[in-house]
Amino acid sequence: YINGQKAGNNVLDPAQTDYDKRVFYNMHDVSDLIIN
């Protein structure tokens, strides 16, 4: 969440993996959620 708004419309992120070997991260463009 940025300033009270959820970033993106994904659910149940990230995808499941064997965390001992790899962990997924996601990238979000939140330019429109940042304020002065």
PDB file of all heavy atoms in Angstrom:
ATOM      1  N   TYR A   1       0.835  -1.193   0.000  1.00  0.00           N
ATOM      2  CA  TYR A   1       0.000   0.000   0.000  1.00  0.00           C
ATOM      3  C   TYR A   1       0.875   1.250   0.000  1.00  0.00           C
ATOM      4  O   TYR A   1       1.883   1.315   0.719  1.00  0.00           O
ATOM      5  CB  TYR A   1      -0.911   0.025   1.230  1.00  0.00           C
ATOM      6  CG  TYR A   1      -1.939  -1.074   1.247  1.00  0.00           C
ATOM      7  CD1 TYR A   1      -1.639  -2.330   1.757  1.00  0.00           C
ATOM      8  CD2 TYR A   1      -3.222  -0.860   0.748  1.00  0.00           C
ATOM      9  CE1 TYR A   1      -2.577  -3.347   1.771  1.00  0.00           C
ATOM     10  CE2 TYR A   1      -4.173  -1.876   0.755  1.00  0.00           C
ATOM     11  CZ  TYR A   1      -3.844  -3.116   1.267  1.00  0.00           C
ATOM     12  OH  TYR A   1      -4.779  -4.121   1.265  1.00  0.00           O
ATOM     13  N   ILE A   2       0.501   2.214  -0.829  1.00  0.00           N
ATOM     14  CA  ILE A   2       1.162   3.514  -0.851  1.00  0.00           C
ATOM     15  C   ILE A   2       0.099   4.568  -0.571  1.00  0.00           C
ATOM     16  O   ILE A   2      -0.872   4.693  -1.325  1.00  0.00           O
ATOM     17  CB  ILE A   2       1.842   3.804  -2.207  1.00  0.00           C
ATOM     18  CG1 ILE A   2       2.802   2.667  -2.603  1.00  0.00           C
ATOM     19  CG2 ILE A   2       2.568   5.150  -2.160  1.00  0.00           C
ATOM     20  CD1 ILE A   2       4.028   2.562  -1.741  1.00  0.00           C
ATOM     21  N   ASN A   3       0.267   5.300   0.513  1.00  0.00           N
ATOM     22  CA  ASN A   3      -0.691   6.352   0.883  1.00  0.00           C
ATOM     23  C   ASN A   3      -2.132   5.832   0.908  1.00  0.00           C
ATOM     24  O   ASN A   3      -3.059   6.490   0.435  1.00  0.00           O
ATOM     25  CB  ASN A   3      -0.567   7.552  -0.058  1.00  0.00           C
ATOM     26  CG  ASN A   3       0.787   8.230   0.054  1.00  0.00           C
ATOM     27  OD1 ASN A   3       1.345   8.349   1.148  1.00  0.00           O
ATOM     28  ND2 ASN A   3       1.340   8.666  -1.076  1.00  0.00           N
ATOM     29  N   GLY A   4      -2.288   4.633   1.439  1.00  0.00           N
ATOM     30  CA  GLY A   4      -3.610   4.066   1.613  1.00  0.00           C
ATOM     31  C   GLY A   4      -4.171   3.332   0.422  1.00  0.00           C
ATOM     32  O   GLY A   4      -5.260   2.752   0.507  1.00  0.00           O
ATOM     33  N   GLN A   5      -3.464   3.323  -0.706  1.00  0.00           N
ATOM     34  CA  GLN A   5      -3.959   2.662  -1.904  1.00  0.00           C
ATOM     35  C   GLN A   5      -3.118   1.412  -2.212  1.00  0.00           C
ATOM     36  O   GLN A   5      -1.887   1.465  -2.172  1.00  0.00           O
ATOM     37  CB  GLN A   5      -3.899   3.609  -3.108  1.00  0.00           C
ATOM     38  CG  GLN A   5      -4.767   4.852  -2.951  1.00  0.00           C
ATOM     39  CD  GLN A   5      -4.793   5.682  -4.216  1.00  0.00           C
ATOM     40  OE1 GLN A   5      -5.172   5.208  -5.281  1.00  0.00           O
ATOM     41  NE2 GLN A   5      -4.388   6.944  -4.105  1.00  0.00           N
ATOM     42  N   LYS A   6      -3.806   0.337  -2.549  1.00  0.00           N
ATOM     43  CA  LYS A   6      -3.109  -0.899  -2.896  1.00  0.00           C
ATOM     44  C   LYS A   6      -2.408  -0.749  -4.235  1.00  0.00           C
ATOM     45  O   LYS A   6      -2.972  -0.227  -5.207  1.00  0.00           O
ATOM     46  CB  LYS A   6      -4.089  -2.066  -2.953  1.00  0.00           C
ATOM     47  CG  LYS A   6      -3.462  -3.424  -3.228  1.00  0.00           C
ATOM     48  CD  LYS A   6      -4.512  -4.529  -3.133  1.00  0.00           C
ATOM     49  CE  LYS A   6      -3.912  -5.903  -3.380  1.00  0.00           C
ATOM     50  NZ  LYS A   6      -3.559  -6.143  -4.779  1.00  0.00           N
ATOM     51  N   ALA A   7      -1.164  -1.195  -4.297  1.00  0.00           N
ATOM     52  CA  ALA A   7      -0.388  -1.140  -5.535  1.00  0.00           C
ATOM     53  C   ALA A   7      -0.680  -2.368  -6.376  1.00  0.00           C
ATOM     54  O   ALA A   7      -0.500  -3.495  -5.930  1.00  0.00           O
ATOM     55  CB  ALA A   7       1.105  -1.055  -5.218  1.00  0.00           C
ATOM     56  N   GLY A   8      -1.147  -2.146  -7.612  1.00  0.00           N
ATOM     57  CA  GLY A   8      -1.408  -3.251  -8.527  1.00  0.00           C
ATOM     58  C   GLY A   8      -2.692  -3.983  -8.200  1.00  0.00           C
ATOM     59  O   GLY A   8      -3.364  -3.717  -7.196  1.00  0.00           O
ATOM     60  N   ASN A   9      -3.038  -4.939  -9.074  1.00  0.00           N
ATOM     61  CA  ASN A   9      -4.254  -5.733  -8.885  1.00  0.00           C
ATOM     62  C   ASN A   9      -3.949  -7.224  -8.790  1.00  0.00           C
ATOM     63  O   ASN A   9      -4.814  -8.060  -9.025  1.00  0.00           O
ATOM     64  CB  ASN A   9      -5.254  -5.463 -10.016  1.00  0.00           C
ATOM     65  CG  ASN A   9      -4.676  -5.777 -11.392  1.00  0.00           C
ATOM     66  OD1 ASN A   9      -3.532  -6.199 -11.525  1.00  0.00           O
ATOM     67  ND2 ASN A   9      -5.469  -5.567 -12.424  1.00  0.00           N
ATOM     68  N   ASN A  10      -2.700  -7.559  -8.452  1.00  0.00           N
ATOM     69  CA  ASN A  10      -2.353  -8.956  -8.233  1.00  0.00           C
ATOM     70  C   ASN A  10      -2.906  -9.414  -6.891  1.00  0.00           C
ATOM     71  O   ASN A  10      -3.072  -8.614  -5.962  1.00  0.00           O
ATOM     72  CB  ASN A  10      -0.842  -9.162  -8.227  1.00  0.00           C
ATOM     73  CG  ASN A  10      -0.178  -8.698  -9.502  1.00  0.00           C
ATOM     74  OD1 ASN A  10      -0.839  -8.324 -10.465  1.00  0.00           O
ATOM     75  ND2 ASN A  10       1.143  -8.705  -9.509  1.00  0.00           N
ATOM     76  N   VAL A  11      -3.147 -10.709  -6.757  1.00  0.00           N
ATOM     77  CA  VAL A  11      -3.491 -11.293  -5.470  1.00  0.00           C
ATOM     78  C   VAL A  11      -2.596 -12.502  -5.236  1.00  0.00           C
ATOM     79  O   VAL A  11      -2.032 -13.074  -6.167  1.00  0.00           O
ATOM     80  CB  VAL A  11      -4.979 -11.709  -5.394  1.00  0.00           C
ATOM     81  CG1 VAL A  11      -5.878 -10.490  -5.559  1.00  0.00           C
ATOM     82  CG2 VAL A  11      -5.327 -12.761  -6.431  1.00  0.00           C
ATOM     83  N   LEU A  12      -2.443 -12.856  -3.967  1.00  0.00           N
ATOM     84  CA  LEU A  12      -1.647 -14.027  -3.581  1.00  0.00           C
ATOM     85  C   LEU A  12      -0.248 -13.968  -4.176  1.00  0.00           C
ATOM     86  O   LEU A  12       0.268 -14.953  -4.709  1.00  0.00           O
ATOM     87  CB  LEU A  12      -2.372 -15.327  -3.977  1.00  0.00           C
ATOM     88  CG  LEU A  12      -3.722 -15.551  -3.308  1.00  0.00           C
ATOM     89  CD1 LEU A  12      -4.408 -16.788  -3.882  1.00  0.00           C
ATOM     90  CD2 LEU A  12      -3.588 -15.683  -1.798  1.00  0.00           C
ATOM     91  N   ASP A  13       0.373 -12.809  -4.079  1.00  0.00           N
ATOM     92  CA  ASP A  13       1.772 -12.636  -4.473  1.00  0.00           C
ATOM     93  C   ASP A  13       2.674 -12.863  -3.264  1.00  0.00           C
ATOM     94  O   ASP A  13       2.300 -12.530  -2.143  1.00  0.00           O
ATOM     95  CB  ASP A  13       1.992 -11.201  -4.984  1.00  0.00           C
ATOM     96  CG  ASP A  13       1.899 -11.064  -6.485  1.00  0.00           C
ATOM     97  OD1 ASP A  13       1.938 -12.090  -7.188  1.00  0.00           O
ATOM     98  OD2 ASP A  13       1.785  -9.930  -6.964  1.00  0.00           O
ATOM     99  N   PRO A  14       3.902 -13.399  -3.472  1.00  0.00           N
ATOM    100  CA  PRO A  14       4.432 -13.900  -4.735  1.00  0.00           C
ATOM    101  C   PRO A  14       4.058 -15.359  -4.956  1.00  0.00           C
ATOM    102  O   PRO A  14       3.494 -15.999  -4.072  1.00  0.00           O
ATOM    103  CB  PRO A  14       5.939 -13.762  -4.522  1.00  0.00           C
ATOM    104  CG  PRO A  14       6.115 -14.024  -3.051  1.00  0.00           C
ATOM    105  CD  PRO A  14       4.899 -13.423  -2.387  1.00  0.00           C
ATOM    106  N   ALA A  15       4.384 -15.876  -6.144  1.00  0.00           N
ATOM    107  CA  ALA A  15       4.126 -17.287  -6.433  1.00  0.00           C
ATOM    108  C   ALA A  15       4.974 -18.167  -5.515  1.00  0.00           C
ATOM    109  O   ALA A  15       6.070 -17.789  -5.098  1.00  0.00           O
ATOM    110  CB  ALA A  15       4.458 -17.584  -7.895  1.00  0.00           C
ATOM    111  N   GLN A  16       4.440 -19.346  -5.207  1.00  0.00           N
ATOM    112  CA  GLN A  16       5.127 -20.249  -4.283  1.00  0.00           C
ATOM    113  C   GLN A  16       6.337 -20.889  -4.947  1.00  0.00           C
ATOM    114  O   GLN A  16       6.293 -21.286  -6.105  1.00  0.00           O
ATOM    115  CB  GLN A  16       4.166 -21.331  -3.798  1.00  0.00           C
ATOM    116  CG  GLN A  16       3.015 -20.797  -2.965  1.00  0.00           C
ATOM    117  CD  GLN A  16       2.073 -21.900  -2.531  1.00  0.00           C
ATOM    118  OE1 GLN A  16       2.468 -23.064  -2.404  1.00  0.00           O
ATOM    119  NE2 GLN A  16       0.815 -21.558  -2.300  1.00  0.00           N
ATOM    120  N   THR A  17       7.403 -20.973  -4.191  1.00  0.00           N
ATOM    121  CA  THR A  17       8.629 -21.625  -4.635  1.00  0.00           C
ATOM    122  C   THR A  17       9.214 -22.391  -3.452  1.00  0.00           C
ATOM    123  O   THR A  17       8.690 -22.336  -2.342  1.00  0.00           O
ATOM    124  CB  THR A  17       9.668 -20.589  -5.113  1.00  0.00           C
ATOM    125  OG1 THR A  17       9.876 -19.617  -4.077  1.00  0.00           O
ATOM    126  CG2 THR A  17       9.206 -19.880  -6.375  1.00  0.00           C
ATOM    127  N   ASP A  18      10.321 -23.081  -3.681  1.00  0.00           N
ATOM    128  CA  ASP A  18      11.106 -23.624  -2.585  1.00  0.00           C
ATOM    129  C   ASP A  18      12.002 -22.491  -2.106  1.00  0.00           C
ATOM    130  O   ASP A  18      12.994 -22.157  -2.747  1.00  0.00           O
ATOM    131  CB  ASP A  18      11.938 -24.814  -3.072  1.00  0.00           C
ATOM    132  CG  ASP A  18      12.732 -25.467  -1.950  1.00  0.00           C
ATOM    133  OD1 ASP A  18      12.890 -24.834  -0.881  1.00  0.00           O
ATOM    134  OD2 ASP A  18      13.215 -26.596  -2.129  1.00  0.00           O
ATOM    135  N   TYR A  19      11.647 -21.871  -0.969  1.00  0.00           N
ATOM    136  CA  TYR A  19      12.323 -20.654  -0.526  1.00  0.00           C
ATOM    137  C   TYR A  19      13.794 -20.876  -0.172  1.00  0.00           C
ATOM    138  O   TYR A  19      14.557 -19.918  -0.074  1.00  0.00           O
ATOM    139  CB  TYR A  19      11.582 -20.054   0.673  1.00  0.00           C
ATOM    140  CG  TYR A  19      10.128 -19.740   0.377  1.00  0.00           C
ATOM    141  CD1 TYR A  19       9.136 -19.992   1.322  1.00  0.00           C
ATOM    142  CD2 TYR A  19       9.745 -19.215  -0.844  1.00  0.00           C
ATOM    143  CE1 TYR A  19       7.803 -19.720   1.053  1.00  0.00           C
ATOM    144  CE2 TYR A  19       8.413 -18.938  -1.124  1.00  0.00           C
ATOM    145  CZ  TYR A  19       7.452 -19.193  -0.168  1.00  0.00           C
ATOM    146  OH  TYR A  19       6.132 -18.928  -0.444  1.00  0.00           O
ATOM    147  N   ASP A  20      14.192 -22.122   0.012  1.00  0.00           N
ATOM    148  CA  ASP A  20      15.610 -22.402   0.236  1.00  0.00           C
ATOM    149  C   ASP A  20      16.432 -22.179  -1.031  1.00  0.00           C
ATOM    150  O   ASP A  20      17.644 -21.972  -0.961  1.00  0.00           O
ATOM    151  CB  ASP A  20      15.804 -23.844   0.703  1.00  0.00           C
ATOM    152  CG  ASP A  20      15.232 -24.085   2.098  1.00  0.00           C
ATOM    153  OD1 ASP A  20      15.176 -23.116   2.873  1.00  0.00           O
ATOM    154  OD2 ASP A  20      14.839 -25.228   2.387  1.00  0.00           O
ATOM    155  N   LYS A  21      15.759 -22.243  -2.184  1.00  0.00           N
ATOM    156  CA  LYS A  21      16.472 -22.133  -3.456  1.00  0.00           C
ATOM    157  C   LYS A  21      16.228 -20.804  -4.158  1.00  0.00           C
ATOM    158  O   LYS A  21      17.136 -20.190  -4.697  1.00  0.00           O
ATOM    159  CB  LYS A  21      16.066 -23.280  -4.378  1.00  0.00           C
ATOM    160  CG  LYS A  21      16.407 -24.656  -3.834  1.00  0.00           C
ATOM    161  CD  LYS A  21      15.941 -25.759  -4.777  1.00  0.00           C
ATOM    162  CE  LYS A  21      16.290 -27.129  -4.216  1.00  0.00           C
ATOM    163  NZ  LYS A  21      15.817 -28.236  -5.102  1.00  0.00           N
ATOM    164  N   ARG A  22      14.972 -20.370  -4.192  1.00  0.00           N
ATOM    165  CA  ARG A  22      14.654 -19.111  -4.862  1.00  0.00           C
ATOM    166  C   ARG A  22      13.416 -18.489  -4.249  1.00  0.00           C
ATOM    167  O   ARG A  22      12.528 -19.185  -3.765  1.00  0.00           O
ATOM    168  CB  ARG A  22      14.447 -19.314  -6.360  1.00  0.00           C
ATOM    169  CG  ARG A  22      13.230 -20.127  -6.749  1.00  0.00           C
ATOM    170  CD  ARG A  22      13.094 -20.196  -8.255  1.00  0.00           C
ATOM    171  NE  ARG A  22      14.240 -20.842  -8.867  1.00  0.00           N
ATOM    172  CZ  ARG A  22      14.639 -20.639 -10.123  1.00  0.00           C
ATOM    173  NH1 ARG A  22      13.973 -19.800 -10.886  1.00  0.00           N
ATOM    174  NH2 ARG A  22      15.686 -21.267 -10.614  1.00  0.00           N
ATOM    175  N   VAL A  23      13.387 -17.159  -4.276  1.00  0.00           N
ATOM    176  CA  VAL A  23      12.261 -16.381  -3.766  1.00  0.00           C
ATOM    177  C   VAL A  23      11.892 -15.372  -4.844  1.00  0.00           C
ATOM    178  O   VAL A  23      12.749 -14.636  -5.342  1.00  0.00           O
ATOM    179  CB  VAL A  23      12.624 -15.649  -2.460  1.00  0.00           C
ATOM    180  CG1 VAL A  23      11.465 -14.764  -2.010  1.00  0.00           C
ATOM    181  CG2 VAL A  23      13.015 -16.637  -1.373  1.00  0.00           C
ATOM    182  N   PHE A  24      10.631 -15.333  -5.214  1.00  0.00           N
ATOM    183  CA  PHE A  24      10.191 -14.384  -6.230  1.00  0.00           C
ATOM    184  C   PHE A  24       9.911 -13.021  -5.607  1.00  0.00           C
ATOM    185  O   PHE A  24       9.355 -12.920  -4.510  1.00  0.00           O
ATOM    186  CB  PHE A  24       8.916 -14.874  -6.921  1.00  0.00           C
ATOM    187  CG  PHE A  24       9.149 -15.982  -7.914  1.00  0.00           C
ATOM    188  CD1 PHE A  24       8.198 -16.965  -8.103  1.00  0.00           C
ATOM    189  CD2 PHE A  24      10.310 -16.031  -8.667  1.00  0.00           C
ATOM    190  CE1 PHE A  24       8.391 -17.978  -9.022  1.00  0.00           C
ATOM    191  CE2 PHE A  24      10.523 -17.041  -9.595  1.00  0.00           C
ATOM    192  CZ  PHE A  24       9.568 -18.024  -9.769  1.00  0.00           C
ATOM    193  N   TYR A  25      10.307 -11.978  -6.341  1.00  0.00           N
ATOM    194  CA  TYR A  25       9.885 -10.626  -5.989  1.00  0.00           C
ATOM    195  C   TYR A  25       9.112 -10.036  -7.156  1.00  0.00           C
ATOM    196  O   TYR A  25       9.209 -10.505  -8.291  1.00  0.00           O
ATOM    197  CB  TYR A  25      11.088  -9.735  -5.629  1.00  0.00           C
ATOM    198  CG  TYR A  25      11.984  -9.339  -6.785  1.00  0.00           C
ATOM    199  CD1 TYR A  25      11.726  -8.189  -7.540  1.00  0.00           C
ATOM    200  CD2 TYR A  25      13.109 -10.084  -7.116  1.00  0.00           C
ATOM    201  CE1 TYR A  25      12.555  -7.810  -8.582  1.00  0.00           C
ATOM    202  CE2 TYR A  25      13.941  -9.718  -8.160  1.00  0.00           C
ATOM    203  CZ  TYR A  25      13.664  -8.581  -8.888  1.00  0.00           C
ATOM    204  OH  TYR A  25      14.484  -8.204  -9.935  1.00  0.00           O
ATOM    205  N   ASN A  26       8.306  -9.031  -6.862  1.00  0.00           N
ATOM    206  CA  ASN A  26       7.506  -8.340  -7.872  1.00  0.00           C
ATOM    207  C   ASN A  26       7.956  -6.903  -7.988  1.00  0.00           C
ATOM    208  O   ASN A  26       8.484  -6.322  -7.045  1.00  0.00           O
ATOM    209  CB  ASN A  26       6.016  -8.371  -7.512  1.00  0.00           C
ATOM    210  CG  ASN A  26       5.501  -9.765  -7.237  1.00  0.00           C
ATOM    211  OD1 ASN A  26       5.340 -10.160  -6.092  1.00  0.00           O
ATOM    212  ND2 ASN A  26       5.265 -10.528  -8.287  1.00  0.00           N
ATOM    213  N   MET A  27       7.735  -6.333  -9.151  1.00  0.00           N
ATOM    214  CA  MET A  27       8.063  -4.935  -9.400  1.00  0.00           C
ATOM    215  C   MET A  27       6.779  -4.177  -9.682  1.00  0.00           C
ATOM    216  O   MET A  27       5.940  -4.608 -10.465  1.00  0.00           O
ATOM    217  CB  MET A  27       9.025  -4.823 -10.587  1.00  0.00           C
ATOM    218  CG  MET A  27       9.478  -3.412 -10.878  1.00  0.00           C
ATOM    219  SD  MET A  27      10.713  -3.389 -12.213  1.00  0.00           S
ATOM    220  CE  MET A  27      10.965  -1.621 -12.390  1.00  0.00           C
ATOM    221  N   HIS A  28       6.604  -3.034  -9.014  1.00  0.00           N
ATOM    222  CA  HIS A  28       5.423  -2.197  -9.185  1.00  0.00           C
ATOM    223  C   HIS A  28       5.851  -0.771  -9.544  1.00  0.00           C
ATOM    224  O   HIS A  28       6.754  -0.221  -8.905  1.00  0.00           O
ATOM    225  CB  HIS A  28       4.587  -2.148  -7.909  1.00  0.00           C
ATOM    226  CG  HIS A  28       4.027  -3.460  -7.475  1.00  0.00           C
ATOM    227  ND1 HIS A  28       2.841  -3.967  -7.971  1.00  0.00           N
ATOM    228  CD2 HIS A  28       4.493  -4.384  -6.592  1.00  0.00           C
ATOM    229  CE1 HIS A  28       2.598  -5.136  -7.404  1.00  0.00           C
ATOM    230  NE2 HIS A  28       3.584  -5.412  -6.571  1.00  0.00           N
ATOM    231  N   ASP A  29       5.202  -0.219 -10.550  1.00  0.00           N
ATOM    232  CA  ASP A  29       5.371   1.199 -10.856  1.00  0.00           C
ATOM    233  C   ASP A  29       4.357   1.960 -10.008  1.00  0.00           C
ATOM    234  O   ASP A  29       3.153   1.870 -10.234  1.00  0.00           O
ATOM    235  CB  ASP A  29       5.141   1.459 -12.343  1.00  0.00           C
ATOM    236  CG  ASP A  29       5.491   2.888 -12.758  1.00  0.00           C
ATOM    237  OD1 ASP A  29       5.387   3.794 -11.905  1.00  0.00           O
ATOM    238  OD2 ASP A  29       5.868   3.101 -13.914  1.00  0.00           O
ATOM    239  N   VAL A  30       4.835   2.712  -9.026  1.00  0.00           N
ATOM    240  CA  VAL A  30       3.940   3.422  -8.096  1.00  0.00           C
ATOM    241  C   VAL A  30       4.054   4.935  -8.275  1.00  0.00           C
ATOM    242  O   VAL A  30       3.717   5.697  -7.363  1.00  0.00           O
ATOM    243  CB  VAL A  30       4.250   3.025  -6.636  1.00  0.00           C
ATOM    244  CG1 VAL A  30       3.974   1.547  -6.416  1.00  0.00           C
ATOM    245  CG2 VAL A  30       5.690   3.363  -6.260  1.00  0.00           C
ATOM    246  N   SER A  31       4.500   5.364  -9.454  1.00  0.00           N
ATOM    247  CA  SER A  31       4.701   6.795  -9.704  1.00  0.00           C
ATOM    248  C   SER A  31       3.432   7.595  -9.438  1.00  0.00           C
ATOM    249  O   SER A  31       3.490   8.707  -8.879  1.00  0.00           O
ATOM    250  CB  SER A  31       5.155   7.014 -11.152  1.00  0.00           C
ATOM    251  OG  SER A  31       6.312   6.260 -11.446  1.00  0.00           O
ATOM    252  N   ASP A  32       2.279   7.042  -9.819  1.00  0.00           N
ATOM    253  CA  ASP A  32       1.014   7.778  -9.660  1.00  0.00           C
ATOM    254  C   ASP A  32       0.531   7.810  -8.216  1.00  0.00           C
ATOM    255  O   ASP A  32      -0.403   8.563  -7.900  1.00  0.00           O
ATOM    256  CB  ASP A  32      -0.070   7.152 -10.544  1.00  0.00           C
ATOM    257  CG  ASP A  32       0.218   7.321 -12.031  1.00  0.00           C
ATOM    258  OD1 ASP A  32       1.008   8.219 -12.375  1.00  0.00           O
ATOM    259  OD2 ASP A  32      -0.333   6.557 -12.833  1.00  0.00           O
ATOM    260  N   LEU A  33       1.143   7.005  -7.338  1.00  0.00           N
ATOM    261  CA  LEU A  33       0.697   6.957  -5.948  1.00  0.00           C
ATOM    262  C   LEU A  33       1.527   7.849  -5.033  1.00  0.00           C
ATOM    263  O   LEU A  33       1.128   8.118  -3.896  1.00  0.00           O
ATOM    264  CB  LEU A  33       0.741   5.512  -5.429  1.00  0.00           C
ATOM    265  CG  LEU A  33      -0.092   4.487  -6.202  1.00  0.00           C
ATOM    266  CD1 LEU A  33       0.023   3.112  -5.554  1.00  0.00           C
ATOM    267  CD2 LEU A  33      -1.553   4.912  -6.274  1.00  0.00           C
ATOM    268  N   ILE A  34       2.680   8.300  -5.509  1.00  0.00           N
ATOM    269  CA  ILE A  34       3.555   9.165  -4.715  1.00  0.00           C
ATOM    270  C   ILE A  34       3.081  10.614  -4.829  1.00  0.00           C
ATOM    271  O   ILE A  34       2.757  11.092  -5.912  1.00  0.00           O
ATOM    272  CB  ILE A  34       5.016   9.049  -5.182  1.00  0.00           C
ATOM    273  CG1 ILE A  34       5.494   7.595  -5.104  1.00  0.00           C
ATOM    274  CG2 ILE A  34       5.924   9.953  -4.354  1.00  0.00           C
ATOM    275  CD1 ILE A  34       5.497   7.028  -3.717  1.00  0.00           C
ATOM    276  N   ILE A  35       3.043  11.312  -3.696  1.00  0.00           N
ATOM    277  CA  ILE A  35       2.619  12.703  -3.691  1.00  0.00           C
ATOM    278  C   ILE A  35       3.762  13.600  -3.218  1.00  0.00           C
ATOM    279  O   ILE A  35       4.728  13.132  -2.611  1.00  0.00           O
ATOM    280  CB  ILE A  35       1.380  12.913  -2.790  1.00  0.00           C
ATOM    281  CG1 ILE A  35       1.692  12.523  -1.337  1.00  0.00           C
ATOM    282  CG2 ILE A  35       0.191  12.118  -3.307  1.00  0.00           C
ATOM    283  CD1 ILE A  35       0.554  12.779  -0.373  1.00  0.00           C
ATOM    284  N   ASN A  36       3.647  14.873  -3.511  1.00  0.00           N
ATOM    285  CA  ASN A  36       4.635  15.844  -3.056  1.00  0.00           C
ATOM    286  C   ASN A  36       4.516  16.024  -1.549  1.00  0.00           C
ATOM    287  O   ASN A  36       3.450  16.343  -1.031  1.00  0.00           O
ATOM    288  CB  ASN A  36       4.407  17.181  -3.773  1.00  0.00           C
ATOM    289  CG  ASN A  36       5.334  18.262  -3.257  1.00  0.00           C
ATOM    290  OD1 ASN A  36       6.450  17.976  -2.818  1.00  0.00           O
ATOM    291  ND2 ASN A  36       4.874  19.506  -3.274  1.00  0.00           N
TER     292      ASN A  36
END
